[in-house]
Amino acid sequence: MRPIGVAILAILIILFGLLVALVGILALVGTFFVAVVAPEFTSIALVAALIFLILGSITIVSGIGLWQLRMWAWVLAFIVLILHIIGQLLAFGITFNIVLIIDVILLIYLLLVRNHFY
């Protein structure tokens, strides 16, 4: 039986992955506008969009695995959250950032429910 907290965590991770993938899709669309306005930045915009798409996809897969109580998904979610926290810190530094706070809360909860995964 899946604990309610783990189910909520899985759903939140899936939603987070969908949001990141959506940002990647929007960035990919924006890349076409960048190509017209500033062609020298097209490759940078394309790489950024692809990174968001890949991270979003990995996060969604991790969330699905968390729903199924798989240990590989726990490890994958841990890695993705750590990378996202590092990215937030590099982008904004240690400032008030609601996304950073949510990431830290998800990471702490992920650590607390580790024993439910096999």
PDB file of N, CA and C in Angstrom:
ATOM      1  N   MET A   1       0.837  -1.183   0.000  1.00  0.00           N
ATOM      2  CA  MET A   1       0.000   0.000   0.000  1.00  0.00           C
ATOM      3  C   MET A   1       0.882   1.246   0.000  1.00  0.00           C
ATOM      4  N   ARG A   2       0.513   2.190  -0.838  1.00  0.00           N
ATOM      5  CA  ARG A   2       1.277   3.426  -0.990  1.00  0.00           C
ATOM      6  C   ARG A   2       0.836   4.435   0.064  1.00  0.00           C
ATOM      7  N   PRO A   3       1.782   4.921   0.879  1.00  0.00           N
ATOM      8  CA  PRO A   3       1.432   5.965   1.854  1.00  0.00           C
ATOM      9  C   PRO A   3       0.961   7.233   1.138  1.00  0.00           C
ATOM     10  N   ILE A   4       0.023   7.928   1.737  1.00  0.00           N
ATOM     11  CA  ILE A   4      -0.553   9.129   1.122  1.00  0.00           C
ATOM     12  C   ILE A   4       0.513  10.187   0.849  1.00  0.00           C
ATOM     13  N   GLY A   5       1.484  10.306   1.753  1.00  0.00           N
ATOM     14  CA  GLY A   5       2.551  11.285   1.553  1.00  0.00           C
ATOM     15  C   GLY A   5       3.396  10.973   0.336  1.00  0.00           C
ATOM     16  N   VAL A   6       3.652   9.688   0.099  1.00  0.00           N
ATOM     17  CA  VAL A   6       4.437   9.278  -1.076  1.00  0.00           C
ATOM     18  C   VAL A   6       3.622   9.535  -2.347  1.00  0.00           C
ATOM     19  N   ALA A   7       2.320   9.290  -2.295  1.00  0.00           N
ATOM     20  CA  ALA A   7       1.463   9.554  -3.454  1.00  0.00           C
ATOM     21  C   ALA A   7       1.465  11.046  -3.785  1.00  0.00           C
ATOM     22  N   ILE A   8       1.349  11.873  -2.756  1.00  0.00           N
ATOM     23  CA  ILE A   8       1.379  13.325  -2.978  1.00  0.00           C
ATOM     24  C   ILE A   8       2.723  13.749  -3.545  1.00  0.00           C
ATOM     25  N   LEU A   9       3.808  13.190  -3.005  1.00  0.00           N
ATOM     26  CA  LEU A   9       5.150  13.498  -3.503  1.00  0.00           C
ATOM     27  C   LEU A   9       5.273  13.120  -4.976  1.00  0.00           C
ATOM     28  N   ALA A  10       4.795  11.939  -5.350  1.00  0.00           N
ATOM     29  CA  ALA A  10       4.872  11.499  -6.742  1.00  0.00           C
ATOM     30  C   ALA A  10       4.099  12.442  -7.659  1.00  0.00           C
ATOM     31  N   ILE A  11       2.914  12.831  -7.226  1.00  0.00           N
ATOM     32  CA  ILE A  11       2.105  13.746  -8.032  1.00  0.00           C
ATOM     33  C   ILE A  11       2.794  15.099  -8.171  1.00  0.00           C
ATOM     34  N   LEU A  12       3.363  15.608  -7.076  1.00  0.00           N
ATOM     35  CA  LEU A  12       4.074  16.889  -7.139  1.00  0.00           C
ATOM     36  C   LEU A  12       5.287  16.813  -8.065  1.00  0.00           C
ATOM     37  N   ILE A  13       6.023  15.700  -8.010  1.00  0.00           N
ATOM     38  CA  ILE A  13       7.195  15.539  -8.883  1.00  0.00           C
ATOM     39  C   ILE A  13       6.750  15.478 -10.348  1.00  0.00           C
ATOM     40  N   ILE A  14       5.650  14.761 -10.622  1.00  0.00           N
ATOM     41  CA  ILE A  14       5.145  14.690 -12.000  1.00  0.00           C
ATOM     42  C   ILE A  14       4.715  16.084 -12.474  1.00  0.00           C
ATOM     43  N   LEU A  15       3.995  16.809 -11.636  1.00  0.00           N
ATOM     44  CA  LEU A  15       3.575  18.163 -12.008  1.00  0.00           C
ATOM     45  C   LEU A  15       4.769  19.086 -12.236  1.00  0.00           C
ATOM     46  N   PHE A  16       5.785  18.947 -11.385  1.00  0.00           N
ATOM     47  CA  PHE A  16       7.013  19.721 -11.541  1.00  0.00           C
ATOM     48  C   PHE A  16       7.666  19.390 -12.887  1.00  0.00           C
ATOM     49  N   GLY A  17       7.715  18.102 -13.232  1.00  0.00           N
ATOM     50  CA  GLY A  17       8.287  17.689 -14.513  1.00  0.00           C
ATOM     51  C   GLY A  17       7.510  18.240 -15.691  1.00  0.00           C
ATOM     52  N   LEU A  18       6.180  18.235 -15.578  1.00  0.00           N
ATOM     53  CA  LEU A  18       5.357  18.806 -16.644  1.00  0.00           C
ATOM     54  C   LEU A  18       5.619  20.291 -16.803  1.00  0.00           C
ATOM     55  N   LEU A  19       5.781  20.983 -15.698  1.00  0.00           N
ATOM     56  CA  LEU A  19       6.065  22.426 -15.741  1.00  0.00           C
ATOM     57  C   LEU A  19       7.419  22.690 -16.407  1.00  0.00           C
ATOM     58  N   VAL A  20       8.433  21.922 -16.036  1.00  0.00           N
ATOM     59  CA  VAL A  20       9.771  22.097 -16.625  1.00  0.00           C
ATOM     60  C   VAL A  20       9.729  21.778 -18.119  1.00  0.00           C
ATOM     61  N   ALA A  21       9.016  20.708 -18.493  1.00  0.00           N
ATOM     62  CA  ALA A  21       8.897  20.358 -19.913  1.00  0.00           C
ATOM     63  C   ALA A  21       8.158  21.452 -20.684  1.00  0.00           C
ATOM     64  N   LEU A  22       7.129  22.036 -20.064  1.00  0.00           N
ATOM     65  CA  LEU A  22       6.400  23.129 -20.698  1.00  0.00           C
ATOM     66  C   LEU A  22       7.309  24.338 -20.931  1.00  0.00           C
ATOM     67  N   VAL A  23       8.155  24.638 -19.948  1.00  0.00           N
ATOM     68  CA  VAL A  23       9.129  25.721 -20.117  1.00  0.00           C
ATOM     69  C   VAL A  23      10.053  25.394 -21.292  1.00  0.00           C
ATOM     70  N   GLY A  24      10.459  24.136 -21.410  1.00  0.00           N
ATOM     71  CA  GLY A  24      11.302  23.726 -22.528  1.00  0.00           C
ATOM     72  C   GLY A  24      10.613  23.895 -23.864  1.00  0.00           C
ATOM     73  N   ILE A  25       9.334  23.537 -23.915  1.00  0.00           N
ATOM     74  CA  ILE A  25       8.571  23.704 -25.162  1.00  0.00           C
ATOM     75  C   ILE A  25       8.441  25.186 -25.514  1.00  0.00           C
ATOM     76  N   LEU A  26       8.124  26.002 -24.525  1.00  0.00           N
ATOM     77  CA  LEU A  26       8.011  27.444 -24.769  1.00  0.00           C
ATOM     78  C   LEU A  26       9.358  28.038 -25.184  1.00  0.00           C
ATOM     79  N   ALA A  27      10.435  27.549 -24.576  1.00  0.00           N
ATOM     80  CA  ALA A  27      11.769  28.028 -24.956  1.00  0.00           C
ATOM     81  C   ALA A  27      12.112  27.593 -26.373  1.00  0.00           C
ATOM     82  N   LEU A  28      11.669  26.407 -26.736  1.00  0.00           N
ATOM     83  CA  LEU A  28      11.911  25.922 -28.098  1.00  0.00           C
ATOM     84  C   LEU A  28      11.183  26.803 -29.113  1.00  0.00           C
ATOM     85  N   VAL A  29       9.950  27.166 -28.806  1.00  0.00           N
ATOM     86  CA  VAL A  29       9.198  28.082 -29.673  1.00  0.00           C
ATOM     87  C   VAL A  29       9.886  29.445 -29.702  1.00  0.00           C
ATOM     88  N   GLY A  30      10.355  29.893 -28.534  1.00  0.00           N
ATOM     89  CA  GLY A  30      11.057  31.167 -28.466  1.00  0.00           C
ATOM     90  C   GLY A  30      12.351  31.173 -29.251  1.00  0.00           C
ATOM     91  N   THR A  31      12.951  29.996 -29.420  1.00  0.00           N
ATOM     92  CA  THR A  31      14.203  29.889 -30.179  1.00  0.00           C
ATOM     93  C   THR A  31      14.009  30.364 -31.617  1.00  0.00           C
ATOM     94  N   PHE A  32      12.850  30.108 -32.181  1.00  0.00           N
ATOM     95  CA  PHE A  32      12.587  30.549 -33.550  1.00  0.00           C
ATOM     96  C   PHE A  32      12.547  32.068 -33.639  1.00  0.00           C
ATOM     97  N   PHE A  33      12.025  32.710 -32.608  1.00  0.00           N
ATOM     98  CA  PHE A  33      12.022  34.169 -32.576  1.00  0.00           C
ATOM     99  C   PHE A  33      13.433  34.713 -32.373  1.00  0.00           C
ATOM    100  N   VAL A  34      14.215  34.016 -31.550  1.00  0.00           N
ATOM    101  CA  VAL A  34      15.610  34.418 -31.334  1.00  0.00           C
ATOM    102  C   VAL A  34      16.381  34.312 -32.644  1.00  0.00           C
ATOM    103  N   ALA A  35      16.090  33.286 -33.426  1.00  0.00           N
ATOM    104  CA  ALA A  35      16.788  33.095 -34.701  1.00  0.00           C
ATOM    105  C   ALA A  35      16.557  34.261 -35.645  1.00  0.00           C
ATOM    106  N   VAL A  36      15.382  34.875 -35.561  1.00  0.00           N
ATOM    107  CA  VAL A  36      15.069  36.004 -36.431  1.00  0.00           C
ATOM    108  C   VAL A  36      15.711  37.287 -35.913  1.00  0.00           C
ATOM    109  N   VAL A  37      15.634  37.499 -34.599  1.00  0.00           N
ATOM    110  CA  VAL A  37      16.092  38.752 -34.007  1.00  0.00           C
ATOM    111  C   VAL A  37      17.597  38.760 -33.758  1.00  0.00           C
ATOM    112  N   ALA A  38      18.099  37.684 -33.179  1.00  0.00           N
ATOM    113  CA  ALA A  38      19.526  37.606 -32.822  1.00  0.00           C
ATOM    114  C   ALA A  38      20.058  36.220 -33.168  1.00  0.00           C
ATOM    115  N   PRO A  39      20.382  35.987 -34.425  1.00  0.00           N
ATOM    116  CA  PRO A  39      20.787  34.647 -34.864  1.00  0.00           C
ATOM    117  C   PRO A  39      22.022  34.092 -34.146  1.00  0.00           C
ATOM    118  N   GLU A  40      22.858  34.972 -33.618  1.00  0.00           N
ATOM    119  CA  GLU A  40      24.072  34.500 -32.944  1.00  0.00           C
ATOM    120  C   GLU A  40      23.756  33.789 -31.625  1.00  0.00           C
ATOM    121  N   PHE A  41      22.567  33.972 -31.086  1.00  0.00           N
ATOM    122  CA  PHE A  41      22.176  33.318 -29.827  1.00  0.00           C
ATOM    123  C   PHE A  41      21.255  32.116 -30.031  1.00  0.00           C
ATOM    124  N   THR A  42      21.012  31.752 -31.271  1.00  0.00           N
ATOM    125  CA  THR A  42      20.090  30.661 -31.560  1.00  0.00           C
ATOM    126  C   THR A  42      20.554  29.350 -30.962  1.00  0.00           C
ATOM    127  N   SER A  43      21.831  29.036 -31.087  1.00  0.00           N
ATOM    128  CA  SER A  43      22.316  27.753 -30.573  1.00  0.00           C
ATOM    129  C   SER A  43      22.231  27.690 -29.050  1.00  0.00           C
ATOM    130  N   ILE A  44      22.499  28.800 -28.378  1.00  0.00           N
ATOM    131  CA  ILE A  44      22.401  28.837 -26.917  1.00  0.00           C
ATOM    132  C   ILE A  44      20.945  28.634 -26.494  1.00  0.00           C
ATOM    133  N   ALA A  45      20.026  29.311 -27.176  1.00  0.00           N
ATOM    134  CA  ALA A  45      18.602  29.175 -26.849  1.00  0.00           C
ATOM    135  C   ALA A  45      18.114  27.756 -27.113  1.00  0.00           C
ATOM    136  N   LEU A  46      18.598  27.146 -28.184  1.00  0.00           N
ATOM    137  CA  LEU A  46      18.198  25.781 -28.519  1.00  0.00           C
ATOM    138  C   LEU A  46      18.708  24.793 -27.477  1.00  0.00           C
ATOM    139  N   VAL A  47      19.950  24.947 -27.062  1.00  0.00           N
ATOM    140  CA  VAL A  47      20.516  24.066 -26.040  1.00  0.00           C
ATOM    141  C   VAL A  47      19.754  24.220 -24.725  1.00  0.00           C
ATOM    142  N   ALA A  48      19.448  25.440 -24.346  1.00  0.00           N
ATOM    143  CA  ALA A  48      18.694  25.671 -23.107  1.00  0.00           C
ATOM    144  C   ALA A  48      17.315  25.020 -23.189  1.00  0.00           C
ATOM    145  N   ALA A  49      16.639  25.167 -24.317  1.00  0.00           N
ATOM    146  CA  ALA A  49      15.317  24.560 -24.488  1.00  0.00           C
ATOM    147  C   ALA A  49      15.399  23.038 -24.397  1.00  0.00           C
ATOM    148  N   LEU A  50      16.403  22.454 -25.027  1.00  0.00           N
ATOM    149  CA  LEU A  50      16.554  20.993 -24.988  1.00  0.00           C
ATOM    150  C   LEU A  50      16.887  20.500 -23.587  1.00  0.00           C
ATOM    151  N   ILE A  51      17.677  21.263 -22.847  1.00  0.00           N
ATOM    152  CA  ILE A  51      17.987  20.886 -21.460  1.00  0.00           C
ATOM    153  C   ILE A  51      16.709  20.864 -20.631  1.00  0.00           C
ATOM    154  N   PHE A  52      15.870  21.875 -20.769  1.00  0.00           N
ATOM    155  CA  PHE A  52      14.607  21.903 -20.040  1.00  0.00           C
ATOM    156  C   PHE A  52      13.708  20.730 -20.436  1.00  0.00           C
ATOM    157  N   LEU A  53      13.644  20.437 -21.727  1.00  0.00           N
ATOM    158  CA  LEU A  53      12.820  19.316 -22.180  1.00  0.00           C
ATOM    159  C   LEU A  53      13.324  17.985 -21.617  1.00  0.00           C
ATOM    160  N   ILE A  54      14.626  17.783 -21.642  1.00  0.00           N
ATOM    161  CA  ILE A  54      15.203  16.539 -21.135  1.00  0.00           C
ATOM    162  C   ILE A  54      14.995  16.418 -19.627  1.00  0.00           C
ATOM    163  N   LEU A  55      15.284  17.492 -18.881  1.00  0.00           N
ATOM    164  CA  LEU A  55      15.087  17.448 -17.429  1.00  0.00           C
ATOM    165  C   LEU A  55      13.618  17.259 -17.068  1.00  0.00           C
ATOM    166  N   GLY A  56      12.727  17.887 -17.799  1.00  0.00           N
ATOM    167  CA  GLY A  56      11.296  17.701 -17.550  1.00  0.00           C
ATOM    168  C   GLY A  56      10.868  16.263 -17.788  1.00  0.00           C
ATOM    169  N   SER A  57      11.359  15.680 -18.864  1.00  0.00           N
ATOM    170  CA  SER A  57      11.030  14.290 -19.175  1.00  0.00           C
ATOM    171  C   SER A  57      11.567  13.334 -18.116  1.00  0.00           C
ATOM    172  N   ILE A  58      12.798  13.554 -17.699  1.00  0.00           N
ATOM    173  CA  ILE A  58      13.395  12.711 -16.656  1.00  0.00           C
ATOM    174  C   ILE A  58      12.619  12.848 -15.353  1.00  0.00           C
ATOM    175  N   THR A  59      12.203  14.051 -15.034  1.00  0.00           N
ATOM    176  CA  THR A  59      11.442  14.284 -13.802  1.00  0.00           C
ATOM    177  C   THR A  59      10.084  13.585 -13.860  1.00  0.00           C
ATOM    178  N   ILE A  60       9.422  13.623 -15.005  1.00  0.00           N
ATOM    179  CA  ILE A  60       8.141  12.933 -15.158  1.00  0.00           C
ATOM    180  C   ILE A  60       8.321  11.427 -14.976  1.00  0.00           C
ATOM    181  N   VAL A  61       9.347  10.867 -15.603  1.00  0.00           N
ATOM    182  CA  VAL A  61       9.630   9.438 -15.460  1.00  0.00           C
ATOM    183  C   VAL A  61       9.911   9.100 -13.997  1.00  0.00           C
ATOM    184  N   SER A  62      10.650   9.955 -13.334  1.00  0.00           N
ATOM    185  CA  SER A  62      10.941   9.755 -11.914  1.00  0.00           C
ATOM    186  C   SER A  62       9.662   9.762 -11.084  1.00  0.00           C
ATOM    187  N   GLY A  63       8.773  10.693 -11.359  1.00  0.00           N
ATOM    188  CA  GLY A  63       7.508  10.770 -10.634  1.00  0.00           C
ATOM    189  C   GLY A  63       6.652   9.531 -10.829  1.00  0.00           C
ATOM    190  N   ILE A  64       6.631   9.019 -12.046  1.00  0.00           N
ATOM    191  CA  ILE A  64       5.884   7.783 -12.320  1.00  0.00           C
ATOM    192  C   ILE A  64       6.495   6.622 -11.543  1.00  0.00           C
ATOM    193  N   GLY A  65       7.821   6.552 -11.500  1.00  0.00           N
ATOM    194  CA  GLY A  65       8.496   5.514 -10.720  1.00  0.00           C
ATOM    195  C   GLY A  65       8.252   5.666  -9.224  1.00  0.00           C
ATOM    196  N   LEU A  66       8.194   6.911  -8.737  1.00  0.00           N
ATOM    197  CA  LEU A  66       7.880   7.145  -7.330  1.00  0.00           C
ATOM    198  C   LEU A  66       6.476   6.636  -7.014  1.00  0.00           C
ATOM    199  N   TRP A  67       5.549   6.843  -7.931  1.00  0.00           N
ATOM    200  CA  TRP A  67       4.179   6.365  -7.746  1.00  0.00           C
ATOM    201  C   TRP A  67       4.177   4.839  -7.581  1.00  0.00           C
ATOM    202  N   GLN A  68       5.092   4.179  -8.294  1.00  0.00           N
ATOM    203  CA  GLN A  68       5.190   2.714  -8.240  1.00  0.00           C
ATOM    204  C   GLN A  68       6.134   2.237  -7.136  1.00  0.00           C
ATOM    205  N   LEU A  69       6.629   3.158  -6.313  1.00  0.00           N
ATOM    206  CA  LEU A  69       7.514   2.867  -5.166  1.00  0.00           C
ATOM    207  C   LEU A  69       8.818   2.203  -5.580  1.00  0.00           C
ATOM    208  N   ARG A  70       9.400   2.636  -6.664  1.00  0.00           N
ATOM    209  CA  ARG A  70      10.658   2.073  -7.167  1.00  0.00           C
ATOM    210  C   ARG A  70      11.849   2.849  -6.618  1.00  0.00           C
ATOM    211  N   MET A  71      12.867   2.113  -6.185  1.00  0.00           N
ATOM    212  CA  MET A  71      14.065   2.750  -5.617  1.00  0.00           C
ATOM    213  C   MET A  71      14.827   3.551  -6.670  1.00  0.00           C
ATOM    214  N   TRP A  72      14.892   3.067  -7.914  1.00  0.00           N
ATOM    215  CA  TRP A  72      15.586   3.811  -8.960  1.00  0.00           C
ATOM    216  C   TRP A  72      14.947   5.183  -9.151  1.00  0.00           C
ATOM    217  N   ALA A  73      13.635   5.251  -8.979  1.00  0.00           N
ATOM    218  CA  ALA A  73      12.938   6.528  -9.128  1.00  0.00           C
ATOM    219  C   ALA A  73      13.277   7.463  -7.968  1.00  0.00           C
ATOM    220  N   TRP A  74      13.446   6.887  -6.778  1.00  0.00           N
ATOM    221  CA  TRP A  74      13.831   7.694  -5.623  1.00  0.00           C
ATOM    222  C   TRP A  74      15.195   8.322  -5.878  1.00  0.00           C
ATOM    223  N   VAL A  75      16.138   7.501  -6.362  1.00  0.00           N
ATOM    224  CA  VAL A  75      17.490   7.999  -6.654  1.00  0.00           C
ATOM    225  C   VAL A  75      17.436   9.058  -7.759  1.00  0.00           C
ATOM    226  N   LEU A  76      16.673   8.790  -8.788  1.00  0.00           N
ATOM    227  CA  LEU A  76      16.553   9.738  -9.889  1.00  0.00           C
ATOM    228  C   LEU A  76      15.932  11.057  -9.425  1.00  0.00           C
ATOM    229  N   ALA A  77      14.887  10.992  -8.619  1.00  0.00           N
ATOM    230  CA  ALA A  77      14.260  12.204  -8.092  1.00  0.00           C
ATOM    231  C   ALA A  77      15.229  12.976  -7.211  1.00  0.00           C
ATOM    232  N   PHE A  78      16.006  12.262  -6.415  1.00  0.00           N
ATOM    233  CA  PHE A  78      17.007  12.899  -5.561  1.00  0.00           C
ATOM    234  C   PHE A  78      18.018  13.668  -6.403  1.00  0.00           C
ATOM    235  N   ILE A  79      18.531  13.019  -7.447  1.00  0.00           N
ATOM    236  CA  ILE A  79      19.526  13.653  -8.322  1.00  0.00           C
ATOM    237  C   ILE A  79      18.925  14.877  -9.021  1.00  0.00           C
ATOM    238  N   VAL A  80      17.712  14.732  -9.554  1.00  0.00           N
ATOM    239  CA  VAL A  80      17.075  15.842 -10.267  1.00  0.00           C
ATOM    240  C   VAL A  80      16.838  17.025  -9.324  1.00  0.00           C
ATOM    241  N   LEU A  81      16.369  16.751  -8.105  1.00  0.00           N
ATOM    242  CA  LEU A  81      16.136  17.843  -7.155  1.00  0.00           C
ATOM    243  C   LEU A  81      17.438  18.535  -6.757  1.00  0.00           C
ATOM    244  N   ILE A  82      18.495  17.757  -6.547  1.00  0.00           N
ATOM    245  CA  ILE A  82      19.801  18.343  -6.224  1.00  0.00           C
ATOM    246  C   ILE A  82      20.275  19.233  -7.376  1.00  0.00           C
ATOM    247  N   LEU A  83      20.167  18.730  -8.606  1.00  0.00           N
ATOM    248  CA  LEU A  83      20.586  19.527  -9.767  1.00  0.00           C
ATOM    249  C   LEU A  83      19.748  20.801  -9.892  1.00  0.00           C
ATOM    250  N   HIS A  84      18.466  20.684  -9.612  1.00  0.00           N
ATOM    251  CA  HIS A  84      17.611  21.862  -9.711  1.00  0.00           C
ATOM    252  C   HIS A  84      17.938  22.880  -8.626  1.00  0.00           C
ATOM    253  N   ILE A  85      18.231  22.397  -7.428  1.00  0.00           N
ATOM    254  CA  ILE A  85      18.619  23.309  -6.342  1.00  0.00           C
ATOM    255  C   ILE A  85      19.923  24.018  -6.695  1.00  0.00           C
ATOM    256  N   ILE A  86      20.891  23.276  -7.230  1.00  0.00           N
ATOM    257  CA  ILE A  86      22.162  23.878  -7.632  1.00  0.00           C
ATOM    258  C   ILE A  86      21.927  24.918  -8.729  1.00  0.00           C
ATOM    259  N   GLY A  87      21.076  24.584  -9.696  1.00  0.00           N
ATOM    260  CA  GLY A  87      20.758  25.531 -10.760  1.00  0.00           C
ATOM    261  C   GLY A  87      20.107  26.801 -10.232  1.00  0.00           C
ATOM    262  N   GLN A  88      19.196  26.639  -9.274  1.00  0.00           N
ATOM    263  CA  GLN A  88      18.553  27.805  -8.672  1.00  0.00           C
ATOM    264  C   GLN A  88      19.572  28.671  -7.929  1.00  0.00           C
ATOM    265  N   LEU A  89      20.479  28.028  -7.203  1.00  0.00           N
ATOM    266  CA  LEU A  89      21.494  28.785  -6.468  1.00  0.00           C
ATOM    267  C   LEU A  89      22.450  29.511  -7.412  1.00  0.00           C
ATOM    268  N   LEU A  90      22.815  28.855  -8.508  1.00  0.00           N
ATOM    269  CA  LEU A  90      23.704  29.497  -9.475  1.00  0.00           C
ATOM    270  C   LEU A  90      23.001  30.652 -10.191  1.00  0.00           C
ATOM    271  N   ALA A  91      21.727  30.495 -10.452  1.00  0.00           N
ATOM    272  CA  ALA A  91      21.000  31.526 -11.189  1.00  0.00           C
ATOM    273  C   ALA A  91      20.653  32.732 -10.318  1.00  0.00           C
ATOM    274  N   PHE A  92      20.266  32.475  -9.078  1.00  0.00           N
ATOM    275  CA  PHE A  92      19.751  33.560  -8.247  1.00  0.00           C
ATOM    276  C   PHE A  92      20.547  33.807  -6.980  1.00  0.00           C
ATOM    277  N   GLY A  93      21.479  32.925  -6.641  1.00  0.00           N
ATOM    278  CA  GLY A  93      22.202  33.050  -5.385  1.00  0.00           C
ATOM    279  C   GLY A  93      21.286  32.708  -4.222  1.00  0.00           C
ATOM    280  N   ILE A  94      21.722  33.003  -3.038  1.00  0.00           N
ATOM    281  CA  ILE A  94      20.907  32.699  -1.862  1.00  0.00           C
ATOM    282  C   ILE A  94      20.010  33.901  -1.588  1.00  0.00           C
ATOM    283  N   THR A  95      18.901  33.948  -2.307  1.00  0.00           N
ATOM    284  CA  THR A  95      17.894  34.993  -2.124  1.00  0.00           C
ATOM    285  C   THR A  95      16.560  34.297  -1.906  1.00  0.00           C
ATOM    286  N   PHE A  96      15.554  35.063  -1.548  1.00  0.00           N
ATOM    287  CA  PHE A  96      14.229  34.470  -1.386  1.00  0.00           C
ATOM    288  C   PHE A  96      13.746  34.012  -2.751  1.00  0.00           C
ATOM    289  N   ASN A  97      13.536  32.727  -2.872  1.00  0.00           N
ATOM    290  CA  ASN A  97      13.125  32.141  -4.132  1.00  0.00           C
ATOM    291  C   ASN A  97      12.150  31.016  -3.798  1.00  0.00           C
ATOM    292  N   ILE A  98      10.897  31.181  -4.147  1.00  0.00           N
ATOM    293  CA  ILE A  98       9.877  30.203  -3.778  1.00  0.00           C
ATOM    294  C   ILE A  98      10.144  28.843  -4.415  1.00  0.00           C
ATOM    295  N   VAL A  99      10.684  28.811  -5.631  1.00  0.00           N
ATOM    296  CA  VAL A  99      10.991  27.543  -6.286  1.00  0.00           C
ATOM    297  C   VAL A  99      12.084  26.809  -5.519  1.00  0.00           C
ATOM    298  N   LEU A 100      13.082  27.539  -5.059  1.00  0.00           N
ATOM    299  CA  LEU A 100      14.150  26.934  -4.261  1.00  0.00           C
ATOM    300  C   LEU A 100      13.590  26.363  -2.962  1.00  0.00           C
ATOM    301  N   ILE A 101      12.703  27.081  -2.335  1.00  0.00           N
ATOM    302  CA  ILE A 101      12.104  26.610  -1.085  1.00  0.00           C
ATOM    303  C   ILE A 101      11.291  25.329  -1.331  1.00  0.00           C
ATOM    304  N   ILE A 102      10.519  25.308  -2.408  1.00  0.00           N
ATOM    305  CA  ILE A 102       9.738  24.115  -2.743  1.00  0.00           C
ATOM    306  C   ILE A 102      10.658  22.942  -3.027  1.00  0.00           C
ATOM    307  N   ASP A 103      11.742  23.179  -3.780  1.00  0.00           N
ATOM    308  CA  ASP A 103      12.707  22.116  -4.062  1.00  0.00           C
ATOM    309  C   ASP A 103      13.304  21.544  -2.788  1.00  0.00           C
ATOM    310  N   VAL A 104      13.673  22.406  -1.867  1.00  0.00           N
ATOM    311  CA  VAL A 104      14.275  21.949  -0.611  1.00  0.00           C
ATOM    312  C   VAL A 104      13.258  21.141   0.208  1.00  0.00           C
ATOM    313  N   ILE A 105      12.012  21.610   0.248  1.00  0.00           N
ATOM    314  CA  ILE A 105      10.974  20.870   0.979  1.00  0.00           C
ATOM    315  C   ILE A 105      10.749  19.494   0.354  1.00  0.00           C
ATOM    316  N   LEU A 106      10.676  19.438  -0.978  1.00  0.00           N
ATOM    317  CA  LEU A 106      10.511  18.145  -1.653  1.00  0.00           C
ATOM    318  C   LEU A 106      11.694  17.224  -1.379  1.00  0.00           C
ATOM    319  N   LEU A 107      12.899  17.776  -1.390  1.00  0.00           N
ATOM    320  CA  LEU A 107      14.088  16.970  -1.123  1.00  0.00           C
ATOM    321  C   LEU A 107      14.075  16.428   0.304  1.00  0.00           C
ATOM    322  N   ILE A 108      13.730  17.258   1.254  1.00  0.00           N
ATOM    323  CA  ILE A 108      13.671  16.809   2.654  1.00  0.00           C
ATOM    324  C   ILE A 108      12.623  15.711   2.807  1.00  0.00           C
ATOM    325  N   TYR A 109      11.463  15.921   2.210  1.00  0.00           N
ATOM    326  CA  TYR A 109      10.422  14.900   2.321  1.00  0.00           C
ATOM    327  C   TYR A 109      10.833  13.615   1.620  1.00  0.00           C
ATOM    328  N   LEU A 110      11.505  13.750   0.495  1.00  0.00           N
ATOM    329  CA  LEU A 110      12.001  12.571  -0.216  1.00  0.00           C
ATOM    330  C   LEU A 110      12.949  11.774   0.674  1.00  0.00           C
ATOM    331  N   LEU A 111      13.791  12.456   1.405  1.00  0.00           N
ATOM    332  CA  LEU A 111      14.705  11.782   2.336  1.00  0.00           C
ATOM    333  C   LEU A 111      13.937  11.112   3.484  1.00  0.00           C
ATOM    334  N   LEU A 112      12.867  11.739   3.933  1.00  0.00           N
ATOM    335  CA  LEU A 112      12.104  11.195   5.053  1.00  0.00           C
ATOM    336  C   LEU A 112      11.327   9.921   4.688  1.00  0.00           C
ATOM    337  N   VAL A 113      10.919   9.794   3.438  1.00  0.00           N
ATOM    338  CA  VAL A 113      10.109   8.631   3.040  1.00  0.00           C
ATOM    339  C   VAL A 113      10.920   7.569   2.304  1.00  0.00           C
ATOM    340  N   ARG A 114      12.213   7.639   2.371  1.00  0.00           N
ATOM    341  CA  ARG A 114      13.091   6.721   1.628  1.00  0.00           C
ATOM    342  C   ARG A 114      12.786   5.259   1.914  1.00  0.00           C
ATOM    343  N   ASN A 115      12.422   4.928   3.139  1.00  0.00           N
ATOM    344  CA  ASN A 115      12.213   3.523   3.512  1.00  0.00           C
ATOM    345  C   ASN A 115      10.985   2.885   2.857  1.00  0.00           C
ATOM    346  N   HIS A 116      10.147   3.638   2.149  1.00  0.00           N
ATOM    347  CA  HIS A 116       8.986   3.091   1.487  1.00  0.00           C
ATOM    348  C   HIS A 116       9.301   2.573   0.072  1.00  0.00           C
ATOM    349  N   PHE A 117      10.506   2.796  -0.382  1.00  0.00           N
ATOM    350  CA  PHE A 117      10.869   2.406  -1.749  1.00  0.00           C
ATOM    351  C   PHE A 117      11.721   1.142  -1.739  1.00  0.00           C
ATOM    352  N   TYR A 118      11.552   0.331  -2.748  1.00  0.00           N
ATOM    353  CA  TYR A 118      12.303  -0.933  -2.843  1.00  0.00           C
ATOM    354  C   TYR A 118      12.799  -1.155  -4.243  1.00  0.00           C
TER     355      TYR A 118
END
